[in-house]
Structures are given as C-alpha cells and as structure tokens.
PDB file of N, CA and C in Angstrom:
ATOM      1  N   MET A   1       0.843  -1.173   0.000  1.00  0.00           N
ATOM      2  CA  MET A   1       0.000   0.000   0.000  1.00  0.00           C
ATOM      3  C   MET A   1       0.894   1.244   0.000  1.00  0.00           C
ATOM      4  N   GLN A   2       0.643   2.148  -0.917  1.00  0.00           N
ATOM      5  CA  GLN A   2       1.433   3.368  -1.047  1.00  0.00           C
ATOM      6  C   GLN A   2       0.974   4.425  -0.042  1.00  0.00           C
ATOM      7  N   LYS A   3       1.930   4.987   0.702  1.00  0.00           N
ATOM      8  CA  LYS A   3       1.614   6.023   1.689  1.00  0.00           C
ATOM      9  C   LYS A   3       1.685   7.393   1.028  1.00  0.00           C
ATOM     10  N   ILE A   4       0.679   8.240   1.327  1.00  0.00           N
ATOM     11  CA  ILE A   4       0.715   9.618   0.840  1.00  0.00           C
ATOM     12  C   ILE A   4       0.253  10.569   1.941  1.00  0.00           C
ATOM     13  N   ASN A   5       0.819  11.766   1.900  1.00  0.00           N
ATOM     14  CA  ASN A   5       0.444  12.835   2.811  1.00  0.00           C
ATOM     15  C   ASN A   5      -0.265  13.895   1.963  1.00  0.00           C
ATOM     16  N   VAL A   6      -1.531  14.152   2.266  1.00  0.00           N
ATOM     17  CA  VAL A   6      -2.380  14.994   1.426  1.00  0.00           C
ATOM     18  C   VAL A   6      -2.839  16.230   2.186  1.00  0.00           C
ATOM     19  N   LEU A   7      -2.708  17.383   1.538  1.00  0.00           N
ATOM     20  CA  LEU A   7      -3.284  18.615   2.056  1.00  0.00           C
ATOM     21  C   LEU A   7      -4.568  18.876   1.285  1.00  0.00           C
ATOM     22  N   ILE A   8      -5.671  19.045   2.001  1.00  0.00           N
ATOM     23  CA  ILE A   8      -6.970  19.236   1.367  1.00  0.00           C
ATOM     24  C   ILE A   8      -7.519  20.601   1.747  1.00  0.00           C
ATOM     25  N   ILE A   9      -7.770  21.435   0.726  1.00  0.00           N
ATOM     26  CA  ILE A   9      -8.384  22.739   0.942  1.00  0.00           C
ATOM     27  C   ILE A   9      -9.851  22.580   0.600  1.00  0.00           C
ATOM     28  N   GLU A  10     -10.694  22.702   1.614  1.00  0.00           N
ATOM     29  CA  GLU A  10     -12.129  22.411   1.449  1.00  0.00           C
ATOM     30  C   GLU A  10     -12.909  23.175   2.506  1.00  0.00           C
ATOM     31  N   GLU A  11     -14.097  23.611   2.147  1.00  0.00           N
ATOM     32  CA  GLU A  11     -14.941  24.340   3.092  1.00  0.00           C
ATOM     33  C   GLU A  11     -15.459  23.438   4.212  1.00  0.00           C
ATOM     34  N   PHE A  12     -15.841  22.213   3.852  1.00  0.00           N
ATOM     35  CA  PHE A  12     -16.462  21.310   4.817  1.00  0.00           C
ATOM     36  C   PHE A  12     -15.601  20.075   5.055  1.00  0.00           C
ATOM     37  N   LYS A  13     -15.376  19.755   6.324  1.00  0.00           N
ATOM     38  CA  LYS A  13     -14.539  18.601   6.661  1.00  0.00           C
ATOM     39  C   LYS A  13     -15.114  17.296   6.120  1.00  0.00           C
ATOM     40  N   TYR A  14     -16.435  17.140   6.128  1.00  0.00           N
ATOM     41  CA  TYR A  14     -16.999  15.880   5.638  1.00  0.00           C
ATOM     42  C   TYR A  14     -16.701  15.672   4.160  1.00  0.00           C
ATOM     43  N   ILE A  15     -16.573  16.742   3.387  1.00  0.00           N
ATOM     44  CA  ILE A  15     -16.216  16.586   1.975  1.00  0.00           C
ATOM     45  C   ILE A  15     -14.730  16.249   1.856  1.00  0.00           C
ATOM     46  N   ALA A  16     -13.905  16.864   2.686  1.00  0.00           N
ATOM     47  CA  ALA A  16     -12.485  16.501   2.717  1.00  0.00           C
ATOM     48  C   ALA A  16     -12.348  15.013   3.062  1.00  0.00           C
ATOM     49  N   ASP A  17     -13.161  14.553   4.000  1.00  0.00           N
ATOM     50  CA  ASP A  17     -13.136  13.137   4.380  1.00  0.00           C
ATOM     51  C   ASP A  17     -13.525  12.223   3.223  1.00  0.00           C
ATOM     52  N   LEU A  18     -14.423  12.691   2.341  1.00  0.00           N
ATOM     53  CA  LEU A  18     -14.783  11.901   1.149  1.00  0.00           C
ATOM     54  C   LEU A  18     -13.578  11.737   0.232  1.00  0.00           C
ATOM     55  N   ASN A  19     -12.767  12.787   0.107  1.00  0.00           N
ATOM     56  CA  ASN A  19     -11.541  12.680  -0.694  1.00  0.00           C
ATOM     57  C   ASN A  19     -10.625  11.608  -0.115  1.00  0.00           C
ATOM     58  N   VAL A  20     -10.458  11.641   1.200  1.00  0.00           N
ATOM     59  CA  VAL A  20      -9.600  10.663   1.872  1.00  0.00           C
ATOM     60  C   VAL A  20     -10.154   9.251   1.679  1.00  0.00           C
ATOM     61  N   LEU A  21     -11.453   9.095   1.831  1.00  0.00           N
ATOM     62  CA  LEU A  21     -12.088   7.788   1.647  1.00  0.00           C
ATOM     63  C   LEU A  21     -11.828   7.243   0.245  1.00  0.00           C
ATOM     64  N   GLU A  22     -11.961   8.084  -0.757  1.00  0.00           N
ATOM     65  CA  GLU A  22     -11.718   7.635  -2.138  1.00  0.00           C
ATOM     66  C   GLU A  22     -10.261   7.235  -2.353  1.00  0.00           C
ATOM     67  N   LEU A  23      -9.354   7.966  -1.749  1.00  0.00           N
ATOM     68  CA  LEU A  23      -7.944   7.602  -1.871  1.00  0.00           C
ATOM     69  C   LEU A  23      -7.668   6.268  -1.181  1.00  0.00           C
ATOM     70  N   LYS A  24      -8.281   6.045  -0.029  1.00  0.00           N
ATOM     71  CA  LYS A  24      -8.121   4.764   0.667  1.00  0.00           C
ATOM     72  C   LYS A  24      -8.717   3.624  -0.152  1.00  0.00           C
ATOM     73  N   ARG A  25      -9.884   3.851  -0.715  1.00  0.00           N
ATOM     74  CA  ARG A  25     -10.499   2.831  -1.581  1.00  0.00           C
ATOM     75  C   ARG A  25      -9.606   2.496  -2.765  1.00  0.00           C
ATOM     76  N   GLY A  26      -8.824   3.483  -3.190  1.00  0.00           N
ATOM     77  CA  GLY A  26      -7.923   3.285  -4.321  1.00  0.00           C
ATOM     78  C   GLY A  26      -6.588   2.672  -3.944  1.00  0.00           C
ATOM     79  N   GLY A  27      -6.438   2.289  -2.687  1.00  0.00           N
ATOM     80  CA  GLY A  27      -5.238   1.567  -2.283  1.00  0.00           C
ATOM     81  C   GLY A  27      -4.157   2.396  -1.614  1.00  0.00           C
ATOM     82  N   PHE A  28      -4.454   3.633  -1.259  1.00  0.00           N
ATOM     83  CA  PHE A  28      -3.474   4.467  -0.571  1.00  0.00           C
ATOM     84  C   PHE A  28      -3.633   4.365   0.941  1.00  0.00           C
ATOM     85  N   GLU A  29      -2.517   4.471   1.634  1.00  0.00           N
ATOM     86  CA  GLU A  29      -2.527   4.693   3.070  1.00  0.00           C
ATOM     87  C   GLU A  29      -2.377   6.205   3.229  1.00  0.00           C
ATOM     88  N   VAL A  30      -3.404   6.845   3.756  1.00  0.00           N
ATOM     89  CA  VAL A  30      -3.498   8.305   3.686  1.00  0.00           C
ATOM     90  C   VAL A  30      -3.280   8.972   5.042  1.00  0.00           C
ATOM     91  N   LYS A  31      -2.375   9.933   5.044  1.00  0.00           N
ATOM     92  CA  LYS A  31      -2.275  10.903   6.133  1.00  0.00           C
ATOM     93  C   LYS A  31      -2.771  12.198   5.505  1.00  0.00           C
ATOM     94  N   SER A  32      -3.675  12.894   6.181  1.00  0.00           N
ATOM     95  CA  SER A  32      -4.231  14.096   5.566  1.00  0.00           C
ATOM     96  C   SER A  32      -4.332  15.236   6.548  1.00  0.00           C
ATOM     97  N   ARG A  33      -4.372  16.419   5.993  1.00  0.00           N
ATOM     98  CA  ARG A  33      -4.613  17.629   6.778  1.00  0.00           C
ATOM     99  C   ARG A  33      -5.624  18.460   6.001  1.00  0.00           C
ATOM    100  N   TYR A  34      -6.605  18.954   6.715  1.00  0.00           N
ATOM    101  CA  TYR A  34      -7.709  19.709   6.140  1.00  0.00           C
ATOM    102  C   TYR A  34      -7.597  21.164   6.554  1.00  0.00           C
ATOM    103  N   VAL A  35      -7.662  22.087   5.578  1.00  0.00           N
ATOM    104  CA  VAL A  35      -7.641  23.521   5.862  1.00  0.00           C
ATOM    105  C   VAL A  35      -8.714  24.205   5.025  1.00  0.00           C
ATOM    106  N   SER A  36      -9.087  25.419   5.458  1.00  0.00           N
ATOM    107  CA  SER A  36     -10.112  26.138   4.700  1.00  0.00           C
ATOM    108  C   SER A  36      -9.780  27.620   4.511  1.00  0.00           C
ATOM    109  N   SER A  37      -8.541  27.993   4.791  1.00  0.00           N
ATOM    110  CA  SER A  37      -8.152  29.389   4.591  1.00  0.00           C
ATOM    111  C   SER A  37      -6.699  29.466   4.119  1.00  0.00           C
ATOM    112  N   GLU A  38      -6.362  30.615   3.566  1.00  0.00           N
ATOM    113  CA  GLU A  38      -4.981  30.812   3.105  1.00  0.00           C
ATOM    114  C   GLU A  38      -3.998  30.745   4.269  1.00  0.00           C
ATOM    115  N   LYS A  39      -4.363  31.368   5.369  1.00  0.00           N
ATOM    116  CA  LYS A  39      -3.497  31.364   6.557  1.00  0.00           C
ATOM    117  C   LYS A  39      -3.225  29.934   7.029  1.00  0.00           C
ATOM    118  N   ASP A  40      -4.275  29.119   7.090  1.00  0.00           N
ATOM    119  CA  ASP A  40      -4.106  27.726   7.527  1.00  0.00           C
ATOM    120  C   ASP A  40      -3.293  26.911   6.516  1.00  0.00           C
ATOM    121  N   MET A  41      -3.479  27.205   5.221  1.00  0.00           N
ATOM    122  CA  MET A  41      -2.695  26.503   4.204  1.00  0.00           C
ATOM    123  C   MET A  41      -1.219  26.870   4.335  1.00  0.00           C
ATOM    124  N   GLN A  42      -0.924  28.139   4.521  1.00  0.00           N
ATOM    125  CA  GLN A  42       0.461  28.569   4.684  1.00  0.00           C
ATOM    126  C   GLN A  42       1.092  27.911   5.906  1.00  0.00           C
ATOM    127  N   GLU A  43       0.350  27.859   6.994  1.00  0.00           N
ATOM    128  CA  GLU A  43       0.859  27.221   8.208  1.00  0.00           C
ATOM    129  C   GLU A  43       1.138  25.740   7.968  1.00  0.00           C
ATOM    130  N   ALA A  44       0.218  25.072   7.295  1.00  0.00           N
ATOM    131  CA  ALA A  44       0.401  23.640   7.000  1.00  0.00           C
ATOM    132  C   ALA A  44       1.647  23.421   6.147  1.00  0.00           C
ATOM    133  N   LEU A  45       1.839  24.260   5.130  1.00  0.00           N
ATOM    134  CA  LEU A  45       2.991  24.102   4.243  1.00  0.00           C
ATOM    135  C   LEU A  45       4.310  24.418   4.959  1.00  0.00           C
ATOM    136  N   ARG A  46       4.267  25.270   5.956  1.00  0.00           N
ATOM    137  CA  ARG A  46       5.469  25.547   6.749  1.00  0.00           C
ATOM    138  C   ARG A  46       5.792  24.380   7.680  1.00  0.00           C
ATOM    139  N   GLN A  47       4.774  23.673   8.125  1.00  0.00           N
ATOM    140  CA  GLN A  47       4.962  22.638   9.137  1.00  0.00           C
ATOM    141  C   GLN A  47       5.314  21.265   8.578  1.00  0.00           C
ATOM    142  N   GLU A  48       4.875  20.977   7.357  1.00  0.00           N
ATOM    143  CA  GLU A  48       5.160  19.644   6.822  1.00  0.00           C
ATOM    144  C   GLU A  48       5.173  19.622   5.305  1.00  0.00           C
ATOM    145  N   LYS A  49       5.707  18.531   4.776  1.00  0.00           N
ATOM    146  CA  LYS A  49       5.784  18.320   3.332  1.00  0.00           C
ATOM    147  C   LYS A  49       4.630  17.417   2.923  1.00  0.00           C
ATOM    148  N   PHE A  50       3.969  17.782   1.834  1.00  0.00           N
ATOM    149  CA  PHE A  50       2.847  17.000   1.329  1.00  0.00           C
ATOM    150  C   PHE A  50       3.208  16.387  -0.007  1.00  0.00           C
ATOM    151  N   ASP A  51       2.616  15.225  -0.275  1.00  0.00           N
ATOM    152  CA  ASP A  51       2.817  14.563  -1.563  1.00  0.00           C
ATOM    153  C   ASP A  51       1.908  15.139  -2.641  1.00  0.00           C
ATOM    154  N   ILE A  52       0.764  15.678  -2.212  1.00  0.00           N
ATOM    155  CA  ILE A  52      -0.192  16.241  -3.160  1.00  0.00           C
ATOM    156  C   ILE A  52      -1.122  17.190  -2.424  1.00  0.00           C
ATOM    157  N   ILE A  53      -1.645  18.165  -3.166  1.00  0.00           N
ATOM    158  CA  ILE A  53      -2.616  19.116  -2.624  1.00  0.00           C
ATOM    159  C   ILE A  53      -3.886  19.010  -3.451  1.00  0.00           C
ATOM    160  N   LEU A  54      -5.014  18.872  -2.765  1.00  0.00           N
ATOM    161  CA  LEU A  54      -6.333  18.838  -3.407  1.00  0.00           C
ATOM    162  C   LEU A  54      -7.084  20.083  -2.963  1.00  0.00           C
ATOM    163  N   SER A  55      -7.644  20.822  -3.926  1.00  0.00           N
ATOM    164  CA  SER A  55      -8.311  22.070  -3.562  1.00  0.00           C
ATOM    165  C   SER A  55      -9.684  22.191  -4.197  1.00  0.00           C
ATOM    166  N   ASP A  56     -10.658  22.492  -3.360  1.00  0.00           N
ATOM    167  CA  ASP A  56     -11.975  22.883  -3.845  1.00  0.00           C
ATOM    168  C   ASP A  56     -11.866  24.328  -4.317  1.00  0.00           C
ATOM    169  N   ASN A  57     -12.867  24.786  -5.058  1.00  0.00           N
ATOM    170  CA  ASN A  57     -12.863  26.161  -5.540  1.00  0.00           C
ATOM    171  C   ASN A  57     -13.908  27.020  -4.845  1.00  0.00           C
ATOM    172  N   SER A  58     -14.753  26.432  -4.025  1.00  0.00           N
ATOM    173  CA  SER A  58     -15.861  27.195  -3.453  1.00  0.00           C
ATOM    174  C   SER A  58     -15.690  27.516  -1.973  1.00  0.00           C
ATOM    175  N   THR A  59     -14.465  27.389  -1.463  1.00  0.00           N
ATOM    176  CA  THR A  59     -14.209  27.756  -0.085  1.00  0.00           C
ATOM    177  C   THR A  59     -14.333  29.279   0.034  1.00  0.00           C
ATOM    178  N   PRO A  60     -15.156  29.778   0.940  1.00  0.00           N
ATOM    179  CA  PRO A  60     -15.347  31.237   1.045  1.00  0.00           C
ATOM    180  C   PRO A  60     -14.022  31.969   1.289  1.00  0.00           C
ATOM    181  N   HIS A  61     -13.810  33.024   0.531  1.00  0.00           N
ATOM    182  CA  HIS A  61     -12.652  33.901   0.687  1.00  0.00           C
ATOM    183  C   HIS A  61     -11.326  33.239   0.324  1.00  0.00           C
ATOM    184  N   PHE A  62     -11.346  32.026  -0.253  1.00  0.00           N
ATOM    185  CA  PHE A  62     -10.097  31.358  -0.626  1.00  0.00           C
ATOM    186  C   PHE A  62     -10.402  30.313  -1.695  1.00  0.00           C
ATOM    187  N   ASN A  63     -10.232  30.687  -2.951  1.00  0.00           N
ATOM    188  CA  ASN A  63     -10.569  29.768  -4.037  1.00  0.00           C
ATOM    189  C   ASN A  63      -9.342  28.972  -4.498  1.00  0.00           C
ATOM    190  N   ALA A  64      -9.563  28.094  -5.447  1.00  0.00           N
ATOM    191  CA  ALA A  64      -8.502  27.200  -5.925  1.00  0.00           C
ATOM    192  C   ALA A  64      -7.353  27.963  -6.577  1.00  0.00           C
ATOM    193  N   ILE A  65      -7.648  29.050  -7.270  1.00  0.00           N
ATOM    194  CA  ILE A  65      -6.582  29.829  -7.906  1.00  0.00           C
ATOM    195  C   ILE A  65      -5.694  30.465  -6.834  1.00  0.00           C
ATOM    196  N   GLN A  66      -6.298  30.995  -5.791  1.00  0.00           N
ATOM    197  CA  GLN A  66      -5.518  31.554  -4.687  1.00  0.00           C
ATOM    198  C   GLN A  66      -4.676  30.460  -4.019  1.00  0.00           C
ATOM    199  N   ALA A  67      -5.273  29.286  -3.827  1.00  0.00           N
ATOM    200  CA  ALA A  67      -4.540  28.164  -3.236  1.00  0.00           C
ATOM    201  C   ALA A  67      -3.387  27.736  -4.139  1.00  0.00           C
ATOM    202  N   LEU A  68      -3.614  27.747  -5.441  1.00  0.00           N
ATOM    203  CA  LEU A  68      -2.564  27.386  -6.395  1.00  0.00           C
ATOM    204  C   LEU A  68      -1.392  28.358  -6.294  1.00  0.00           C
ATOM    205  N   PHE A  69      -1.681  29.654  -6.192  1.00  0.00           N
ATOM    206  CA  PHE A  69      -0.608  30.635  -6.063  1.00  0.00           C
ATOM    207  C   PHE A  69       0.143  30.467  -4.741  1.00  0.00           C
ATOM    208  N   THR A  70      -0.560  30.120  -3.686  1.00  0.00           N
ATOM    209  CA  THR A  70       0.100  29.845  -2.410  1.00  0.00           C
ATOM    210  C   THR A  70       1.019  28.645  -2.561  1.00  0.00           C
ATOM    211  N   ARG A  71       0.535  27.615  -3.217  1.00  0.00           N
ATOM    212  CA  ARG A  71       1.387  26.435  -3.473  1.00  0.00           C
ATOM    213  C   ARG A  71       2.592  26.824  -4.317  1.00  0.00           C
ATOM    214  N   ASN A  72       2.373  27.586  -5.382  1.00  0.00           N
ATOM    215  CA  ASN A  72       3.485  27.974  -6.263  1.00  0.00           C
ATOM    216  C   ASN A  72       4.562  28.741  -5.495  1.00  0.00           C
ATOM    217  N   GLU A  73       4.142  29.520  -4.528  1.00  0.00           N
ATOM    218  CA  GLU A  73       5.069  30.319  -3.737  1.00  0.00           C
ATOM    219  C   GLU A  73       5.787  29.500  -2.669  1.00  0.00           C
ATOM    220  N   MET A  74       5.055  28.607  -2.009  1.00  0.00           N
ATOM    221  CA  MET A  74       5.615  27.935  -0.835  1.00  0.00           C
ATOM    222  C   MET A  74       6.072  26.498  -1.053  1.00  0.00           C
ATOM    223  N   ALA A  75       5.465  25.800  -2.002  1.00  0.00           N
ATOM    224  CA  ALA A  75       5.793  24.383  -2.237  1.00  0.00           C
ATOM    225  C   ALA A  75       5.628  24.065  -3.723  1.00  0.00           C
ATOM    226  N   PRO A  76       6.423  24.727  -4.567  1.00  0.00           N
ATOM    227  CA  PRO A  76       6.195  24.642  -6.017  1.00  0.00           C
ATOM    228  C   PRO A  76       6.313  23.245  -6.629  1.00  0.00           C
ATOM    229  N   GLU A  77       6.968  22.341  -5.948  1.00  0.00           N
ATOM    230  CA  GLU A  77       7.123  20.986  -6.493  1.00  0.00           C
ATOM    231  C   GLU A  77       5.986  20.049  -6.107  1.00  0.00           C
ATOM    232  N   THR A  78       5.110  20.478  -5.219  1.00  0.00           N
ATOM    233  CA  THR A  78       4.013  19.625  -4.764  1.00  0.00           C
ATOM    234  C   THR A  78       2.892  19.642  -5.795  1.00  0.00           C
ATOM    235  N   PRO A  79       2.508  18.485  -6.310  1.00  0.00           N
ATOM    236  CA  PRO A  79       1.412  18.435  -7.282  1.00  0.00           C
ATOM    237  C   PRO A  79       0.115  19.001  -6.709  1.00  0.00           C
ATOM    238  N   PHE A  80      -0.667  19.643  -7.565  1.00  0.00           N
ATOM    239  CA  PHE A  80      -1.882  20.351  -7.162  1.00  0.00           C
ATOM    240  C   PHE A  80      -3.023  19.947  -8.081  1.00  0.00           C
ATOM    241  N   ILE A  81      -4.136  19.509  -7.490  1.00  0.00           N
ATOM    242  CA  ILE A  81      -5.325  19.116  -8.255  1.00  0.00           C
ATOM    243  C   ILE A  81      -6.512  19.924  -7.743  1.00  0.00           C
ATOM    244  N   ILE A  82      -7.272  20.494  -8.667  1.00  0.00           N
ATOM    245  CA  ILE A  82      -8.533  21.132  -8.302  1.00  0.00           C
ATOM    246  C   ILE A  82      -9.607  20.062  -8.333  1.00  0.00           C
ATOM    247  N   VAL A  83     -10.324  19.894  -7.225  1.00  0.00           N
ATOM    248  CA  VAL A  83     -11.429  18.938  -7.123  1.00  0.00           C
ATOM    249  C   VAL A  83     -12.657  19.759  -6.750  1.00  0.00           C
ATOM    250  N   SER A  84     -13.469  20.092  -7.756  1.00  0.00           N
ATOM    251  CA  SER A  84     -14.547  21.043  -7.519  1.00  0.00           C
ATOM    252  C   SER A  84     -15.595  20.966  -8.620  1.00  0.00           C
ATOM    253  N   GLU A  85     -16.779  21.468  -8.319  1.00  0.00           N
ATOM    254  CA  GLU A  85     -17.849  21.611  -9.306  1.00  0.00           C
ATOM    255  C   GLU A  85     -17.851  23.015  -9.901  1.00  0.00           C
ATOM    256  N   ASP A  86     -17.318  23.944  -9.169  1.00  0.00           N
ATOM    257  CA  ASP A  86     -17.531  25.351  -9.425  1.00  0.00           C
ATOM    258  C   ASP A  86     -16.288  26.033  -9.993  1.00  0.00           C
ATOM    259  N   VAL A  87     -15.884  25.664 -11.212  1.00  0.00           N
ATOM    260  CA  VAL A  87     -14.724  26.286 -11.836  1.00  0.00           C
ATOM    261  C   VAL A  87     -15.071  26.606 -13.282  1.00  0.00           C
ATOM    262  N   SER A  88     -14.860  27.844 -13.670  1.00  0.00           N
ATOM    263  CA  SER A  88     -15.143  28.235 -15.051  1.00  0.00           C
ATOM    264  C   SER A  88     -14.068  27.677 -15.978  1.00  0.00           C
ATOM    265  N   PRO A  89     -14.403  27.467 -17.238  1.00  0.00           N
ATOM    266  CA  PRO A  89     -13.386  27.006 -18.194  1.00  0.00           C
ATOM    267  C   PRO A  89     -12.175  27.940 -18.257  1.00  0.00           C
ATOM    268  N   GLU A  90     -12.417  29.241 -18.117  1.00  0.00           N
ATOM    269  CA  GLU A  90     -11.308  30.201 -18.144  1.00  0.00           C
ATOM    270  C   GLU A  90     -10.375  29.987 -16.961  1.00  0.00           C
ATOM    271  N   ASN A  91     -10.958  29.733 -15.780  1.00  0.00           N
ATOM    272  CA  ASN A  91     -10.126  29.502 -14.601  1.00  0.00           C
ATOM    273  C   ASN A  91      -9.381  28.178 -14.672  1.00  0.00           C
ATOM    274  N   ILE A  92      -9.998  27.176 -15.275  1.00  0.00           N
ATOM    275  CA  ILE A  92      -9.301  25.895 -15.454  1.00  0.00           C
ATOM    276  C   ILE A  92      -8.094  26.098 -16.367  1.00  0.00           C
ATOM    277  N   LYS A  93      -8.305  26.792 -17.466  1.00  0.00           N
ATOM    278  CA  LYS A  93      -7.219  27.067 -18.410  1.00  0.00           C
ATOM    279  C   LYS A  93      -6.107  27.866 -17.721  1.00  0.00           C
ATOM    280  N   PHE A  94      -6.491  28.895 -16.968  1.00  0.00           N
ATOM    281  CA  PHE A  94      -5.528  29.711 -16.230  1.00  0.00           C
ATOM    282  C   PHE A  94      -4.755  28.860 -15.220  1.00  0.00           C
ATOM    283  N   ALA A  95      -5.460  28.001 -14.501  1.00  0.00           N
ATOM    284  CA  ALA A  95      -4.809  27.135 -13.507  1.00  0.00           C
ATOM    285  C   ALA A  95      -3.798  26.206 -14.169  1.00  0.00           C
ATOM    286  N   MET A  96      -4.163  25.627 -15.285  1.00  0.00           N
ATOM    287  CA  MET A  96      -3.249  24.705 -15.976  1.00  0.00           C
ATOM    288  C   MET A  96      -1.999  25.435 -16.461  1.00  0.00           C
ATOM    289  N   LYS A  97      -2.165  26.667 -16.892  1.00  0.00           N
ATOM    290  CA  LYS A  97      -1.004  27.466 -17.313  1.00  0.00           C
ATOM    291  C   LYS A  97      -0.113  27.827 -16.132  1.00  0.00           C
ATOM    292  N   ASN A  98      -0.670  27.764 -14.930  1.00  0.00           N
ATOM    293  CA  ASN A  98       0.074  28.105 -13.726  1.00  0.00           C
ATOM    294  C   ASN A  98       0.426  26.879 -12.892  1.00  0.00           C
ATOM    295  N   ARG A  99       0.625  25.762 -13.577  1.00  0.00           N
ATOM    296  CA  ARG A  99       1.169  24.532 -13.012  1.00  0.00           C
ATOM    297  C   ARG A  99       0.218  23.733 -12.131  1.00  0.00           C
ATOM    298  N   CYS A 100      -1.071  23.849 -12.373  1.00  0.00           N
ATOM    299  CA  CYS A 100      -2.034  22.922 -11.777  1.00  0.00           C
ATOM    300  C   CYS A 100      -1.912  21.623 -12.571  1.00  0.00           C
ATOM    301  N   CYS A 101      -1.930  20.502 -11.888  1.00  0.00           N
ATOM    302  CA  CYS A 101      -1.738  19.208 -12.558  1.00  0.00           C
ATOM    303  C   CYS A 101      -3.004  18.676 -13.221  1.00  0.00           C
ATOM    304  N   ALA A 102      -4.167  18.944 -12.597  1.00  0.00           N
ATOM    305  CA  ALA A 102      -5.406  18.366 -13.124  1.00  0.00           C
ATOM    306  C   ALA A 102      -6.613  19.047 -12.490  1.00  0.00           C
ATOM    307  N   TYR A 103      -7.739  18.815 -13.136  1.00  0.00           N
ATOM    308  CA  TYR A 103      -9.033  19.266 -12.621  1.00  0.00           C
ATOM    309  C   TYR A 103      -9.956  18.059 -12.621  1.00  0.00           C
ATOM    310  N   LEU A 104     -10.614  17.803 -11.492  1.00  0.00           N
ATOM    311  CA  LEU A 104     -11.545  16.687 -11.377  1.00  0.00           C
ATOM    312  C   LEU A 104     -12.875  17.209 -10.863  1.00  0.00           C
ATOM    313  N   VAL A 105     -13.931  16.931 -11.602  1.00  0.00           N
ATOM    314  CA  VAL A 105     -15.274  17.300 -11.171  1.00  0.00           C
ATOM    315  C   VAL A 105     -15.667  16.372 -10.027  1.00  0.00           C
ATOM    316  N   LYS A 106     -16.262  16.920  -8.981  1.00  0.00           N
ATOM    317  CA  LYS A 106     -16.582  16.119  -7.791  1.00  0.00           C
ATOM    318  C   LYS A 106     -17.483  14.924  -8.099  1.00  0.00           C
ATOM    319  N   GLU A 107     -18.321  15.026  -9.122  1.00  0.00           N
ATOM    320  CA  GLU A 107     -19.165  13.866  -9.448  1.00  0.00           C
ATOM    321  C   GLU A 107     -18.329  12.696  -9.955  1.00  0.00           C
ATOM    322  N   ASN A 108     -17.073  12.943 -10.305  1.00  0.00           N
ATOM    323  CA  ASN A 108     -16.156  11.884 -10.734  1.00  0.00           C
ATOM    324  C   ASN A 108     -15.122  11.556  -9.656  1.00  0.00           C
ATOM    325  N   LEU A 109     -15.481  11.806  -8.400  1.00  0.00           N
ATOM    326  CA  LEU A 109     -14.548  11.599  -7.300  1.00  0.00           C
ATOM    327  C   LEU A 109     -14.027  10.162  -7.237  1.00  0.00           C
ATOM    328  N   HIS A 110     -14.800   9.230  -7.763  1.00  0.00           N
ATOM    329  CA  HIS A 110     -14.361   7.826  -7.783  1.00  0.00           C
ATOM    330  C   HIS A 110     -13.076   7.635  -8.610  1.00  0.00           C
ATOM    331  N   GLN A 111     -12.705   8.624  -9.414  1.00  0.00           N
ATOM    332  CA  GLN A 111     -11.487   8.553 -10.228  1.00  0.00           C
ATOM    333  C   GLN A 111     -10.284   9.202  -9.545  1.00  0.00           C
ATOM    334  N   LEU A 112     -10.485   9.737  -8.347  1.00  0.00           N
ATOM    335  CA  LEU A 112      -9.436  10.494  -7.671  1.00  0.00           C
ATOM    336  C   LEU A 112      -8.166   9.674  -7.439  1.00  0.00           C
ATOM    337  N   ALA A 113      -8.294   8.473  -6.930  1.00  0.00           N
ATOM    338  CA  ALA A 113      -7.110   7.659  -6.622  1.00  0.00           C
ATOM    339  C   ALA A 113      -6.296   7.360  -7.875  1.00  0.00           C
ATOM    340  N   ILE A 114      -6.959   7.070  -8.971  1.00  0.00           N
ATOM    341  CA  ILE A 114      -6.252   6.801 -10.235  1.00  0.00           C
ATOM    342  C   ILE A 114      -5.498   8.042 -10.676  1.00  0.00           C
ATOM    343  N   LEU A 115      -6.162   9.194 -10.614  1.00  0.00           N
ATOM    344  CA  LEU A 115      -5.546  10.454 -11.008  1.00  0.00           C
ATOM    345  C   LEU A 115      -4.335  10.769 -10.130  1.00  0.00           C
ATOM    346  N   VAL A 116      -4.508  10.645  -8.824  1.00  0.00           N
ATOM    347  CA  VAL A 116      -3.402  10.928  -7.894  1.00  0.00           C
ATOM    348  C   VAL A 116      -2.253   9.975  -8.149  1.00  0.00           C
ATOM    349  N   ARG A 117      -2.528   8.706  -8.312  1.00  0.00           N
ATOM    350  CA  ARG A 117      -1.455   7.728  -8.564  1.00  0.00           C
ATOM    351  C   ARG A 117      -0.679   8.089  -9.832  1.00  0.00           C
ATOM    352  N   ASN A 118      -1.389   8.443 -10.887  1.00  0.00           N
ATOM    353  CA  ASN A 118      -0.724   8.810 -12.143  1.00  0.00           C
ATOM    354  C   ASN A 118       0.157  10.034 -11.966  1.00  0.00           C
ATOM    355  N   ILE A 119      -0.301  10.984 -11.191  1.00  0.00           N
ATOM    356  CA  ILE A 119       0.469  12.220 -11.007  1.00  0.00           C
ATOM    357  C   ILE A 119       1.693  12.018 -10.121  1.00  0.00           C
ATOM    358  N   ILE A 120       1.527  11.344  -8.987  1.00  0.00           N
ATOM    359  CA  ILE A 120       2.677  11.229  -8.077  1.00  0.00           C
ATOM    360  C   ILE A 120       3.680  10.167  -8.504  1.00  0.00           C
ATOM    361  N   ASN A 121       3.289   9.284  -9.401  1.00  0.00           N
ATOM    362  CA  ASN A 121       4.232   8.248  -9.873  1.00  0.00           C
ATOM    363  C   ASN A 121       4.875   8.591 -11.210  1.00  0.00           C
ATOM    364  N   ARG A 122       4.751   9.828 -11.647  1.00  0.00           N
ATOM    365  CA  ARG A 122       5.381  10.248 -12.920  1.00  0.00           C
ATOM    366  C   ARG A 122       6.874  10.208 -12.808  1.00  0.00           C
TER     367      ARG A 122
END
C-alpha cells in the first residue's frame, strides 16, 4: 500500500473526508490535513511536506486559484489538483497554465485515486 500525505483545501470537513475515503479505496494509506483558509494553508505548508494538494474552488474567501498561487510560492514541487464543481473554463485554463496538474469534477470523485497515482508516480 502506497503512503501519501495529502493537504486538502475544502470548506467542509466531511467533503475533505470523502476525498480521503476515495484515496483509501484506491489503495493508498493516507495521512491528511484539512484547511479552509490561506493562513491555515500557509501554516500547514510551513509545518510539513505534502505529496499532493487537493483544492476545492468554493471555499469562502479562498478559491482554488488563490490556493494554487500559495502552493506555487511555498511548495512549487508539490502536485496540485482542483477537485470542484464550481470552476469556469477560463479559470481551469488559467490554472493549468500556472502549473495545476489536473481538474476533477466532484461527481467523478471515484477517479481520484487513479488520477493521484498517475500524477505522483510520474
């Protein structure tokens, strides 16, 4: 079983827990940290190294693009995936140009483990 340390930016902990559940179902041993603000994300990135970052886009006052820029500044080598329903095509394109690895619609959350495995095993 592959071990991963995941930072999840999400408004609601139960949704962050769904991400973790899907990764476990996909064969990962998961250590995770859940945050919902830029300040908390910065603190998490200062305190530990993550294998991947998953970010929702609908967290109040802190969207996926802001989280991506925080990652680019503080942990540029950590893969970043937007996992959200609420992202415009323009923002997806912008995110990809700014080193976002992938975008996954939440209704396809069952594909998360495959996507994460492909990204971290490159």
